[in-house]
Amino acid sequence: MYFSKLVKEPLHKFTNKKIIIRNYKTNKNINIDKLIRNKKIKSHELYKIEDIEILLQEKHHDVSQTYPTIGNVNQIVDVKNIPIFKKSENKYNLLNKTALHFGDLSYLRGDAAVNGTNKIFELTKDGMGYDCSSNFLKTCGNKLFDEIKIIREENIGKNILITKGYDSSYKYIIHVVEPYYNQTNKLKKCYEDILLIAKENDIKTIVFPLIGSGISLFKKYDVVVCCLEGIYEFLKHKENFNFIEKVVITTNMDSYWMLLRDSIPLYLNENAS
């Protein structure tokens, strides 16, 4: 079933600082509760983006957490200006270093962005279905593609490489080999290893797309859990927590954004020690 999105005003702000997610348009009058009772929608199908859009439409789902988008695609937003997920009274709470962003990481500015790729670090301007948008790779310019061809030959067998950001709004790009479907331990370790590499290279603000959410075919739940567990494994150490200024998780899919919004407090509402 195809649902077309009607986006006139992406955000509607109220005095209570709550934000309502974008409205969706469908030609049918759908009662989601009735569909569930009649088993027209199965539990596992609720994670599909179409079903979540129906839920949003039917239940007028509102979001209490900031839901930032960029109205002008030519405007670059510094990640330092993206609000953290939730301010905690304990200064060592991991939520104080975590931000959730809805949108294209091409229009953010930070020390580094992460780009998922294949085992030979093959970059193309169409993105090849991996998690860093093709638009982002295009913004980096041809020098990125020239550099990656050189350093991948010098670093055969490695899973993470760092290049300059070139014409993008980032100082560096961290390229990581994505694990394959169901390799959840490797997927989780990707995040921890990337953050360790970032620390070694004095990178204090880092933007993650959801690694594994593209061509690697991980389940949505596994993608989100591995992301948060990997970030937790790094930030739980006070030395690492003190070094990093902000970790931004970004997605442009509503289904992933909602899963992250609900899961971040469950995994990252902990204190570094």
C-alpha atoms as a PDB file:
ATOM      1  CA  MET A   1       0.000   0.000   0.000  1.00  0.00           C
ATOM      2  CA  TYR A   2       1.319   3.402  -0.892  1.00  0.00           C
ATOM      3  CA  PHE A   3       0.955   6.377   1.379  1.00  0.00           C
ATOM      4  CA  SER A   4       1.872   9.849   0.204  1.00  0.00           C
ATOM      5  CA  LYS A   5       3.205  12.326   2.718  1.00  0.00           C
ATOM      6  CA  LEU A   6       1.751  15.785   2.910  1.00  0.00           C
ATOM      7  CA  VAL A   7       4.219  18.068   4.630  1.00  0.00           C
ATOM      8  CA  LYS A   8       3.156  21.682   4.782  1.00  0.00           C
ATOM      9  CA  GLU A   9       4.514  22.582   8.191  1.00  0.00           C
ATOM     10  CA  PRO A  10       7.003  19.982   9.518  1.00  0.00           C
ATOM     11  CA  LEU A  11       6.844  21.235  13.060  1.00  0.00           C
ATOM     12  CA  HIS A  12       4.059  22.731  15.152  1.00  0.00           C
ATOM     13  CA  LYS A  13       5.233  24.223  18.398  1.00  0.00           C
ATOM     14  CA  PHE A  14       3.039  24.729  21.402  1.00  0.00           C
ATOM     15  CA  THR A  15       3.478  26.518  24.681  1.00  0.00           C
ATOM     16  CA  ASN A  16       4.157  23.246  26.479  1.00  0.00           C
ATOM     17  CA  LYS A  17       7.141  22.756  24.142  1.00  0.00           C
ATOM     18  CA  LYS A  18       5.747  19.542  22.751  1.00  0.00           C
ATOM     19  CA  ILE A  19       6.126  18.880  19.077  1.00  0.00           C
ATOM     20  CA  ILE A  20       3.698  16.993  16.898  1.00  0.00           C
ATOM     21  CA  ILE A  21       5.224  14.797  14.255  1.00  0.00           C
ATOM     22  CA  ARG A  22       4.349  15.375  10.604  1.00  0.00           C
ATOM     23  CA  ASN A  23       0.878  14.466   9.378  1.00  0.00           C
ATOM     24  CA  TYR A  24       0.298  11.699   6.861  1.00  0.00           C
ATOM     25  CA  LYS A  25      -2.351  11.508   4.189  1.00  0.00           C
ATOM     26  CA  THR A  26      -4.245   8.412   3.094  1.00  0.00           C
ATOM     27  CA  ASN A  27      -7.419   7.963   1.103  1.00  0.00           C
ATOM     28  CA  LYS A  28      -8.860   5.464   3.567  1.00  0.00           C
ATOM     29  CA  ASN A  29     -10.394   6.037   6.980  1.00  0.00           C
ATOM     30  CA  ILE A  30      -8.414   3.540   9.054  1.00  0.00           C
ATOM     31  CA  ASN A  31      -9.214   2.363  12.570  1.00  0.00           C
ATOM     32  CA  ILE A  32      -5.929   0.856  13.743  1.00  0.00           C
ATOM     33  CA  ASP A  33      -7.402  -0.700  16.913  1.00  0.00           C
ATOM     34  CA  LYS A  34     -10.010  -2.537  14.870  1.00  0.00           C
ATOM     35  CA  LEU A  35      -7.371  -3.801  12.464  1.00  0.00           C
ATOM     36  CA  ILE A  36      -5.306  -5.155  15.346  1.00  0.00           C
ATOM     37  CA  ARG A  37      -8.328  -6.826  16.990  1.00  0.00           C
ATOM     38  CA  ASN A  38      -9.265  -8.458  13.698  1.00  0.00           C
ATOM     39  CA  LYS A  39      -5.651  -9.534  13.214  1.00  0.00           C
ATOM     40  CA  LYS A  40      -5.381  -7.605   9.981  1.00  0.00           C
ATOM     41  CA  ILE A  41      -2.133  -6.212  11.380  1.00  0.00           C
ATOM     42  CA  LYS A  42       0.257  -8.633  13.048  1.00  0.00           C
ATOM     43  CA  SER A  43       2.589  -7.609  15.850  1.00  0.00           C
ATOM     44  CA  HIS A  44       5.750  -7.894  13.770  1.00  0.00           C
ATOM     45  CA  GLU A  45       4.214  -5.693  11.071  1.00  0.00           C
ATOM     46  CA  LEU A  46       3.910  -2.760  13.449  1.00  0.00           C
ATOM     47  CA  TYR A  47       7.598  -2.050  12.904  1.00  0.00           C
ATOM     48  CA  LYS A  48       7.138  -1.437   9.198  1.00  0.00           C
ATOM     49  CA  ILE A  49       7.187   2.244   8.333  1.00  0.00           C
ATOM     50  CA  GLU A  50       3.788   2.134   6.607  1.00  0.00           C
ATOM     51  CA  ASP A  51       2.124   0.775   9.736  1.00  0.00           C
ATOM     52  CA  ILE A  52       3.828   3.305  11.966  1.00  0.00           C
ATOM     53  CA  GLU A  53       2.599   6.053   9.671  1.00  0.00           C
ATOM     54  CA  ILE A  54      -0.931   4.717  10.076  1.00  0.00           C
ATOM     55  CA  LEU A  55      -0.508   4.728  13.840  1.00  0.00           C
ATOM     56  CA  LEU A  56       0.659   8.313  13.733  1.00  0.00           C
ATOM     57  CA  GLN A  57      -2.272   9.277  11.547  1.00  0.00           C
ATOM     58  CA  GLU A  58      -4.875   7.467  13.635  1.00  0.00           C
ATOM     59  CA  LYS A  59      -3.659   8.226  17.140  1.00  0.00           C
ATOM     60  CA  HIS A  60      -2.304  11.726  16.412  1.00  0.00           C
ATOM     61  CA  HIS A  61       0.945  10.651  18.006  1.00  0.00           C
ATOM     62  CA  ASP A  62       2.732  13.583  19.596  1.00  0.00           C
ATOM     63  CA  VAL A  63       6.389  13.690  20.484  1.00  0.00           C
ATOM     64  CA  SER A  64       7.692  15.250  23.676  1.00  0.00           C
ATOM     65  CA  GLN A  65      11.310  15.086  22.577  1.00  0.00           C
ATOM     66  CA  THR A  66      12.792  17.648  20.236  1.00  0.00           C
ATOM     67  CA  TYR A  67      12.390  16.610  16.622  1.00  0.00           C
ATOM     68  CA  PRO A  68      14.779  18.839  14.673  1.00  0.00           C
ATOM     69  CA  THR A  69      14.556  19.223  10.923  1.00  0.00           C
ATOM     70  CA  ILE A  70      16.167  21.630   8.520  1.00  0.00           C
ATOM     71  CA  GLY A  71      13.779  23.840   6.621  1.00  0.00           C
ATOM     72  CA  ASN A  72      16.398  25.282   4.323  1.00  0.00           C
ATOM     73  CA  VAL A  73      18.643  22.617   2.850  1.00  0.00           C
ATOM     74  CA  ASN A  74      21.336  25.208   2.248  1.00  0.00           C
ATOM     75  CA  GLN A  75      21.589  25.962   5.951  1.00  0.00           C
ATOM     76  CA  ILE A  76      24.254  24.075   7.867  1.00  0.00           C
ATOM     77  CA  VAL A  77      23.510  23.356  11.528  1.00  0.00           C
ATOM     78  CA  ASP A  78      26.381  22.930  13.970  1.00  0.00           C
ATOM     79  CA  VAL A  79      25.915  19.794  16.054  1.00  0.00           C
ATOM     80  CA  LYS A  80      26.730  21.840  19.139  1.00  0.00           C
ATOM     81  CA  ASN A  81      23.368  23.541  18.606  1.00  0.00           C
ATOM     82  CA  ILE A  82      21.415  20.282  18.478  1.00  0.00           C
ATOM     83  CA  PRO A  83      19.878  19.743  21.922  1.00  0.00           C
ATOM     84  CA  ILE A  84      20.904  16.701  23.902  1.00  0.00           C
ATOM     85  CA  PHE A  85      18.290  13.991  24.259  1.00  0.00           C
ATOM     86  CA  LYS A  86      17.539  14.750  27.895  1.00  0.00           C
ATOM     87  CA  LYS A  87      19.278  16.866  30.497  1.00  0.00           C
ATOM     88  CA  SER A  88      20.162  14.852  33.573  1.00  0.00           C
ATOM     89  CA  GLU A  89      21.001  16.250  36.981  1.00  0.00           C
ATOM     90  CA  ASN A  90      23.917  13.840  37.184  1.00  0.00           C
ATOM     91  CA  LYS A  91      26.629  15.377  35.024  1.00  0.00           C
ATOM     92  CA  TYR A  92      27.998  11.930  34.178  1.00  0.00           C
ATOM     93  CA  ASN A  93      24.710  10.620  32.789  1.00  0.00           C
ATOM     94  CA  LEU A  94      25.194   9.337  29.246  1.00  0.00           C
ATOM     95  CA  LEU A  95      22.102  11.180  28.011  1.00  0.00           C
ATOM     96  CA  ASN A  96      23.994  14.433  28.569  1.00  0.00           C
ATOM     97  CA  LYS A  97      26.298  13.540  25.674  1.00  0.00           C
ATOM     98  CA  THR A  98      23.692  12.055  23.314  1.00  0.00           C
ATOM     99  CA  ALA A  99      21.529  13.775  20.704  1.00  0.00           C
ATOM    100  CA  LEU A 100      18.893  12.416  18.321  1.00  0.00           C
ATOM    101  CA  HIS A 101      18.446  14.178  14.989  1.00  0.00           C
ATOM    102  CA  PHE A 102      15.913  13.657  12.229  1.00  0.00           C
ATOM    103  CA  GLY A 103      17.318  14.645   8.866  1.00  0.00           C
ATOM    104  CA  ASP A 104      20.219  14.385   6.456  1.00  0.00           C
ATOM    105  CA  LEU A 105      23.676  14.493   8.032  1.00  0.00           C
ATOM    106  CA  SER A 106      24.867  16.396   4.949  1.00  0.00           C
ATOM    107  CA  TYR A 107      23.465  19.542   6.535  1.00  0.00           C
ATOM    108  CA  LEU A 108      25.157  19.197   9.906  1.00  0.00           C
ATOM    109  CA  ARG A 109      28.584  20.436  10.941  1.00  0.00           C
ATOM    110  CA  GLY A 110      30.839  18.549  13.340  1.00  0.00           C
ATOM    111  CA  ASP A 111      34.281  17.079  13.795  1.00  0.00           C
ATOM    112  CA  ALA A 112      33.413  13.823  12.017  1.00  0.00           C
ATOM    113  CA  ALA A 113      30.641  11.940  10.254  1.00  0.00           C
ATOM    114  CA  VAL A 114      30.506   8.170   9.882  1.00  0.00           C
ATOM    115  CA  ASN A 115      30.103   6.488   6.505  1.00  0.00           C
ATOM    116  CA  GLY A 116      29.212   2.807   6.181  1.00  0.00           C
ATOM    117  CA  THR A 117      30.780   0.992   3.249  1.00  0.00           C
ATOM    118  CA  ASN A 118      31.816  -2.444   1.999  1.00  0.00           C
ATOM    119  CA  LYS A 119      34.953  -4.432   2.810  1.00  0.00           C
ATOM    120  CA  ILE A 120      37.000  -2.873   0.000  1.00  0.00           C
ATOM    121  CA  PHE A 121      35.982   0.682   0.950  1.00  0.00           C
ATOM    122  CA  GLU A 122      34.331   1.218  -2.405  1.00  0.00           C
ATOM    123  CA  LEU A 123      32.790   4.680  -2.442  1.00  0.00           C
ATOM    124  CA  THR A 124      30.383   5.838  -5.115  1.00  0.00           C
ATOM    125  CA  LYS A 125      28.412   9.028  -5.464  1.00  0.00           C
ATOM    126  CA  ASP A 126      25.126   7.140  -5.426  1.00  0.00           C
ATOM    127  CA  GLY A 127      25.809   5.675  -1.975  1.00  0.00           C
ATOM    128  CA  MET A 128      25.362   2.020  -3.076  1.00  0.00           C
ATOM    129  CA  GLY A 129      22.551   1.550  -0.561  1.00  0.00           C
ATOM    130  CA  TYR A 130      24.715   2.050   2.512  1.00  0.00           C
ATOM    131  CA  ASP A 131      23.755   4.294   5.381  1.00  0.00           C
ATOM    132  CA  CYS A 132      25.520   7.556   4.655  1.00  0.00           C
ATOM    133  CA  SER A 133      23.435   9.402   2.077  1.00  0.00           C
ATOM    134  CA  SER A 134      24.719   9.627  -1.471  1.00  0.00           C
ATOM    135  CA  ASN A 135      24.088  13.341  -1.227  1.00  0.00           C
ATOM    136  CA  PHE A 136      26.662  13.536   1.564  1.00  0.00           C
ATOM    137  CA  LEU A 137      29.375  11.776  -0.440  1.00  0.00           C
ATOM    138  CA  LYS A 138      28.727  14.155  -3.318  1.00  0.00           C
ATOM    139  CA  THR A 139      29.254  17.159  -1.064  1.00  0.00           C
ATOM    140  CA  CYS A 140      32.738  15.929  -0.176  1.00  0.00           C
ATOM    141  CA  GLY A 141      34.028  16.396  -3.715  1.00  0.00           C
ATOM    142  CA  ASN A 142      36.299  14.298  -5.901  1.00  0.00           C
ATOM    143  CA  LYS A 143      39.295  14.576  -3.567  1.00  0.00           C
ATOM    144  CA  LEU A 144      37.605  12.189  -1.138  1.00  0.00           C
ATOM    145  CA  PHE A 145      37.312   9.510  -3.798  1.00  0.00           C
ATOM    146  CA  ASP A 146      40.938  10.042  -4.808  1.00  0.00           C
ATOM    147  CA  GLU A 147      42.160   9.719  -1.204  1.00  0.00           C
ATOM    148  CA  ILE A 148      40.173   6.596  -0.361  1.00  0.00           C
ATOM    149  CA  LYS A 149      41.654   4.783  -3.373  1.00  0.00           C
ATOM    150  CA  ILE A 150      45.144   5.432  -2.012  1.00  0.00           C
ATOM    151  CA  ILE A 151      44.668   4.703   1.681  1.00  0.00           C
ATOM    152  CA  ARG A 152      42.604   1.547   1.193  1.00  0.00           C
ATOM    153  CA  GLU A 153      45.549  -0.002  -0.652  1.00  0.00           C
ATOM    154  CA  GLU A 154      47.825   0.965   2.233  1.00  0.00           C
ATOM    155  CA  ASN A 155      45.458  -0.430   4.880  1.00  0.00           C
ATOM    156  CA  ILE A 156      44.273  -3.764   3.508  1.00  0.00           C
ATOM    157  CA  GLY A 157      42.490  -5.807   6.175  1.00  0.00           C
ATOM    158  CA  LYS A 158      41.396  -2.852   8.291  1.00  0.00           C
ATOM    159  CA  ASN A 159      37.739  -2.217   9.040  1.00  0.00           C
ATOM    160  CA  ILE A 160      37.931   1.511   9.782  1.00  0.00           C
ATOM    161  CA  LEU A 161      39.654   4.269   7.802  1.00  0.00           C
ATOM    162  CA  ILE A 162      39.680   8.031   8.303  1.00  0.00           C
ATOM    163  CA  THR A 163      39.793  10.615   5.539  1.00  0.00           C
ATOM    164  CA  LYS A 164      39.530  14.366   5.491  1.00  0.00           C
ATOM    165  CA  GLY A 165      36.084  15.867   5.111  1.00  0.00           C
ATOM    166  CA  TYR A 166      37.147  17.924   2.095  1.00  0.00           C
ATOM    167  CA  ASP A 167      34.232  19.995   0.764  1.00  0.00           C
ATOM    168  CA  SER A 168      31.750  18.695   3.342  1.00  0.00           C
ATOM    169  CA  SER A 169      30.988  20.478   6.613  1.00  0.00           C
ATOM    170  CA  TYR A 170      33.037  17.932   8.600  1.00  0.00           C
ATOM    171  CA  LYS A 171      36.737  17.885   9.398  1.00  0.00           C
ATOM    172  CA  TYR A 172      36.909  14.123   8.980  1.00  0.00           C
ATOM    173  CA  ILE A 173      34.927  11.192   7.661  1.00  0.00           C
ATOM    174  CA  ILE A 174      35.236   7.848   9.414  1.00  0.00           C
ATOM    175  CA  HIS A 175      34.593   4.999   6.975  1.00  0.00           C
ATOM    176  CA  VAL A 176      33.593   1.670   8.492  1.00  0.00           C
ATOM    177  CA  VAL A 177      33.067  -1.741   6.923  1.00  0.00           C
ATOM    178  CA  GLU A 178      29.508  -2.780   7.669  1.00  0.00           C
ATOM    179  CA  PRO A 179      28.966  -6.308   8.984  1.00  0.00           C
ATOM    180  CA  TYR A 180      26.506  -8.558   7.240  1.00  0.00           C
ATOM    181  CA  TYR A 181      22.976  -9.534   8.217  1.00  0.00           C
ATOM    182  CA  ASN A 182      22.621 -11.015  11.733  1.00  0.00           C
ATOM    183  CA  GLN A 183      26.224 -10.246  12.798  1.00  0.00           C
ATOM    184  CA  THR A 184      24.904  -8.213  15.700  1.00  0.00           C
ATOM    185  CA  ASN A 185      28.025  -8.498  17.863  1.00  0.00           C
ATOM    186  CA  LYS A 186      30.127  -7.060  15.047  1.00  0.00           C
ATOM    187  CA  LEU A 187      27.571  -4.329  14.434  1.00  0.00           C
ATOM    188  CA  LYS A 188      27.626  -3.285  18.085  1.00  0.00           C
ATOM    189  CA  LYS A 189      31.420  -3.317  18.132  1.00  0.00           C
ATOM    190  CA  CYS A 190      31.473  -1.020  15.086  1.00  0.00           C
ATOM    191  CA  TYR A 191      30.157   1.843  17.200  1.00  0.00           C
ATOM    192  CA  GLU A 192      32.574   1.248  20.053  1.00  0.00           C
ATOM    193  CA  ASP A 193      35.557   0.943  17.695  1.00  0.00           C
ATOM    194  CA  ILE A 194      34.572   4.087  15.786  1.00  0.00           C
ATOM    195  CA  LEU A 195      34.374   6.075  19.013  1.00  0.00           C
ATOM    196  CA  LEU A 196      37.755   4.745  20.141  1.00  0.00           C
ATOM    197  CA  ILE A 197      39.257   5.797  16.794  1.00  0.00           C
ATOM    198  CA  ALA A 198      37.598   9.188  17.193  1.00  0.00           C
ATOM    199  CA  LYS A 199      39.188   9.609  20.600  1.00  0.00           C
ATOM    200  CA  GLU A 200      42.618   8.675  19.235  1.00  0.00           C
ATOM    201  CA  ASN A 201      42.231  11.383  16.578  1.00  0.00           C
ATOM    202  CA  ASP A 202      40.953  14.096  18.935  1.00  0.00           C
ATOM    203  CA  ILE A 203      37.449  14.020  17.443  1.00  0.00           C
ATOM    204  CA  LYS A 204      35.026  15.383  20.014  1.00  0.00           C
ATOM    205  CA  THR A 205      31.740  15.652  18.098  1.00  0.00           C
ATOM    206  CA  ILE A 206      30.640  12.779  15.888  1.00  0.00           C
ATOM    207  CA  VAL A 207      27.540  12.114  13.788  1.00  0.00           C
ATOM    208  CA  PHE A 208      26.349   8.543  13.256  1.00  0.00           C
ATOM    209  CA  PRO A 209      23.882   7.348  10.658  1.00  0.00           C
ATOM    210  CA  LEU A 210      22.302   4.045  11.631  1.00  0.00           C
ATOM    211  CA  ILE A 211      24.915   1.538  10.513  1.00  0.00           C
ATOM    212  CA  GLY A 212      23.298  -1.589   9.116  1.00  0.00           C
ATOM    213  CA  SER A 213      20.003   0.074   8.223  1.00  0.00           C
ATOM    214  CA  GLY A 214      20.647  -0.003   4.492  1.00  0.00           C
ATOM    215  CA  ILE A 215      21.838  -2.752   2.192  1.00  0.00           C
ATOM    216  CA  SER A 216      23.157  -4.889   5.082  1.00  0.00           C
ATOM    217  CA  LEU A 217      19.557  -5.946   5.828  1.00  0.00           C
ATOM    218  CA  PHE A 218      19.639  -6.005   9.614  1.00  0.00           C
ATOM    219  CA  LYS A 219      16.296  -5.982  11.391  1.00  0.00           C
ATOM    220  CA  LYS A 220      15.221  -2.545  12.582  1.00  0.00           C
ATOM    221  CA  TYR A 221      15.292  -3.586  16.226  1.00  0.00           C
ATOM    222  CA  ASP A 222      18.825  -4.995  15.910  1.00  0.00           C
ATOM    223  CA  VAL A 223      20.049  -1.850  14.160  1.00  0.00           C
ATOM    224  CA  VAL A 224      18.838   0.368  16.993  1.00  0.00           C
ATOM    225  CA  VAL A 225      19.899  -1.882  19.869  1.00  0.00           C
ATOM    226  CA  CYS A 226      23.398  -2.441  18.466  1.00  0.00           C
ATOM    227  CA  CYS A 227      23.799   1.291  17.962  1.00  0.00           C
ATOM    228  CA  LEU A 228      22.859   2.130  21.546  1.00  0.00           C
ATOM    229  CA  GLU A 229      24.751  -0.757  23.133  1.00  0.00           C
ATOM    230  CA  GLY A 230      27.900   0.150  21.196  1.00  0.00           C
ATOM    231  CA  ILE A 231      27.688   3.792  22.242  1.00  0.00           C
ATOM    232  CA  TYR A 232      27.030   2.713  25.829  1.00  0.00           C
ATOM    233  CA  GLU A 233      30.121   0.485  25.914  1.00  0.00           C
ATOM    234  CA  PHE A 234      32.260   3.498  25.052  1.00  0.00           C
ATOM    235  CA  LEU A 235      30.596   6.235  27.085  1.00  0.00           C
ATOM    236  CA  LYS A 236      30.251   4.188  30.280  1.00  0.00           C
ATOM    237  CA  HIS A 237      33.937   4.798  31.006  1.00  0.00           C
ATOM    238  CA  LYS A 238      34.349   8.192  32.631  1.00  0.00           C
ATOM    239  CA  GLU A 239      37.561   8.956  30.740  1.00  0.00           C
ATOM    240  CA  ASN A 240      35.774   8.470  27.414  1.00  0.00           C
ATOM    241  CA  PHE A 241      32.695  10.311  28.646  1.00  0.00           C
ATOM    242  CA  ASN A 242      34.765  13.335  29.610  1.00  0.00           C
ATOM    243  CA  PHE A 243      36.547  13.384  26.256  1.00  0.00           C
ATOM    244  CA  ILE A 244      33.538  13.276  23.931  1.00  0.00           C
ATOM    245  CA  GLU A 245      31.459  16.445  23.664  1.00  0.00           C
ATOM    246  CA  LYS A 246      28.478  15.049  21.753  1.00  0.00           C
ATOM    247  CA  VAL A 247      27.386  11.899  19.945  1.00  0.00           C
ATOM    248  CA  VAL A 248      24.619  12.565  17.423  1.00  0.00           C
ATOM    249  CA  ILE A 249      22.492   9.733  16.046  1.00  0.00           C
ATOM    250  CA  THR A 250      20.722  10.750  12.866  1.00  0.00           C
ATOM    251  CA  THR A 251      18.103   9.162  10.645  1.00  0.00           C
ATOM    252  CA  ASN A 252      15.646  10.361   8.031  1.00  0.00           C
ATOM    253  CA  MET A 253      13.185   7.507   8.562  1.00  0.00           C
ATOM    254  CA  ASP A 254      10.282   7.979  10.963  1.00  0.00           C
ATOM    255  CA  SER A 255      10.209   4.320  11.992  1.00  0.00           C
ATOM    256  CA  TYR A 256      13.842   4.375  13.090  1.00  0.00           C
ATOM    257  CA  TRP A 257      13.440   7.764  14.739  1.00  0.00           C
ATOM    258  CA  MET A 258      10.551   6.498  16.849  1.00  0.00           C
ATOM    259  CA  LEU A 259      12.436   3.357  17.857  1.00  0.00           C
ATOM    260  CA  LEU A 260      15.425   5.466  18.859  1.00  0.00           C
ATOM    261  CA  ARG A 261      13.277   7.925  20.775  1.00  0.00           C
ATOM    262  CA  ASP A 262      11.761   5.108  22.808  1.00  0.00           C
ATOM    263  CA  SER A 263      14.984   3.104  23.211  1.00  0.00           C
ATOM    264  CA  ILE A 264      17.586   5.747  24.066  1.00  0.00           C
ATOM    265  CA  PRO A 265      16.319   6.218  27.662  1.00  0.00           C
ATOM    266  CA  LEU A 266      16.353   2.446  28.180  1.00  0.00           C
ATOM    267  CA  TYR A 267      19.972   1.999  27.141  1.00  0.00           C
ATOM    268  CA  LEU A 268      21.712   5.300  27.832  1.00  0.00           C
ATOM    269  CA  ASN A 269      20.079   6.565  31.017  1.00  0.00           C
ATOM    270  CA  GLU A 270      23.141   5.402  32.943  1.00  0.00           C
ATOM    271  CA  ASN A 271      26.068   7.135  34.594  1.00  0.00           C
ATOM    272  CA  ALA A 272      29.679   6.837  33.508  1.00  0.00           C
ATOM    273  CA  SER A 273      32.041   5.443  36.109  1.00  0.00           C
END
